[in-house]
Amino acid sequence: MPVTIDLRQAIIHKVHGQSEADLRHMIEGSVDGPEAALPGLGAVFEIMWKNLDTAKQDKLVTLLHEHLKTITLGSITS
């Protein structure tokens, strides 16, 4: 019987045990990269989010909110 894992598990399996440099390379290679990389960033973000205390989550949301105010829809690039 084949083993079936979901996308989240596959991504975590792929990055598990990587060095900090490898993780940075994966993140930097995914940012502004192909849309296929977005689920990987989402899974990594989820791991970070779950392990941040409320104050750090609040700070991250504030940072995102402030940045989003500076973006015009016409300036978004893929």
Protein backbone atom coordinates (compact mmCIF):
# COMPACT_ATOMS: atom_id res chain seq x y z
CA MET A 1 0.00 0.00 0.00
CA PRO A 2 1.51 3.37 -1.01
CA VAL A 3 2.10 6.00 1.64
CA THR A 4 0.18 9.21 1.02
CA ILE A 5 1.24 12.49 2.61
CA ASP A 6 -0.35 15.87 2.18
CA LEU A 7 1.40 18.91 0.73
CA ARG A 8 2.14 20.40 4.17
CA GLN A 9 3.80 17.17 5.31
CA ALA A 10 5.79 16.91 2.07
CA ILE A 11 7.13 20.45 2.48
CA ILE A 12 8.06 19.90 6.12
CA HIS A 13 9.76 16.63 5.16
CA LYS A 14 11.75 18.45 2.45
CA VAL A 15 13.04 21.20 4.77
CA HIS A 16 13.46 19.10 7.91
CA GLY A 17 17.11 18.91 8.94
CA GLN A 18 18.29 21.65 6.58
CA SER A 19 20.87 24.12 7.81
CA GLU A 20 19.98 27.76 8.41
CA ALA A 21 21.83 28.64 5.19
CA ASP A 22 19.79 26.05 3.26
CA LEU A 23 16.54 27.41 4.72
CA ARG A 24 17.54 30.97 3.78
CA HIS A 25 18.39 29.81 0.26
CA MET A 26 15.00 28.07 -0.04
CA ILE A 27 13.14 31.16 1.18
CA GLU A 28 15.10 33.61 -0.98
CA GLY A 29 14.69 31.33 -3.99
CA SER A 30 10.94 31.20 -3.43
CA VAL A 31 10.34 34.92 -2.86
CA ASP A 32 9.46 36.48 -6.21
CA GLY A 33 9.89 33.02 -7.69
CA PRO A 34 7.37 30.84 -9.45
CA GLU A 35 3.89 30.63 -7.98
CA ALA A 36 4.48 26.93 -7.38
CA ALA A 37 6.81 27.99 -4.54
CA LEU A 38 4.05 29.81 -2.63
CA PRO A 39 2.66 26.73 -0.85
CA GLY A 40 6.16 26.04 0.51
CA LEU A 41 6.44 29.56 1.86
CA GLY A 42 2.98 29.20 3.36
CA ALA A 43 3.90 25.99 5.16
CA VAL A 44 7.12 27.54 6.49
CA PHE A 45 5.21 30.66 7.58
CA GLU A 46 2.68 28.45 9.38
CA ILE A 47 5.46 26.76 11.36
CA MET A 48 6.89 30.14 12.37
CA TRP A 49 3.46 31.59 13.22
CA LYS A 50 2.57 28.68 15.49
CA ASN A 51 5.82 29.16 17.40
CA LEU A 52 5.65 32.93 17.90
CA ASP A 53 4.25 34.42 21.06
CA THR A 54 1.30 36.77 20.71
CA ALA A 55 3.45 39.90 20.92
CA LYS A 56 5.62 38.76 18.00
CA GLN A 57 2.54 37.75 16.01
CA ASP A 58 1.09 41.22 16.64
CA LYS A 59 4.34 42.84 15.51
CA LEU A 60 4.39 40.74 12.34
CA VAL A 61 0.78 41.63 11.53
CA THR A 62 1.53 45.32 12.11
CA LEU A 63 4.59 45.13 9.86
CA LEU A 64 2.58 43.41 7.13
CA HIS A 65 -0.30 45.87 7.49
CA GLU A 66 2.03 48.86 7.22
CA HIS A 67 3.77 47.42 4.18
CA LEU A 68 0.50 46.58 2.41
CA LYS A 69 -0.57 50.21 2.73
CA THR A 70 2.42 51.20 0.57
CA ILE A 71 1.62 48.83 -2.28
CA THR A 72 -0.47 49.89 -5.21
CA LEU A 73 -2.14 47.07 -7.10
CA GLY A 74 -0.47 48.14 -10.33
CA SER A 75 2.97 47.74 -8.74
CA ILE A 76 2.55 44.07 -7.86
CA THR A 77 4.85 41.92 -9.96
CA SER A 78 4.88 38.20 -10.38
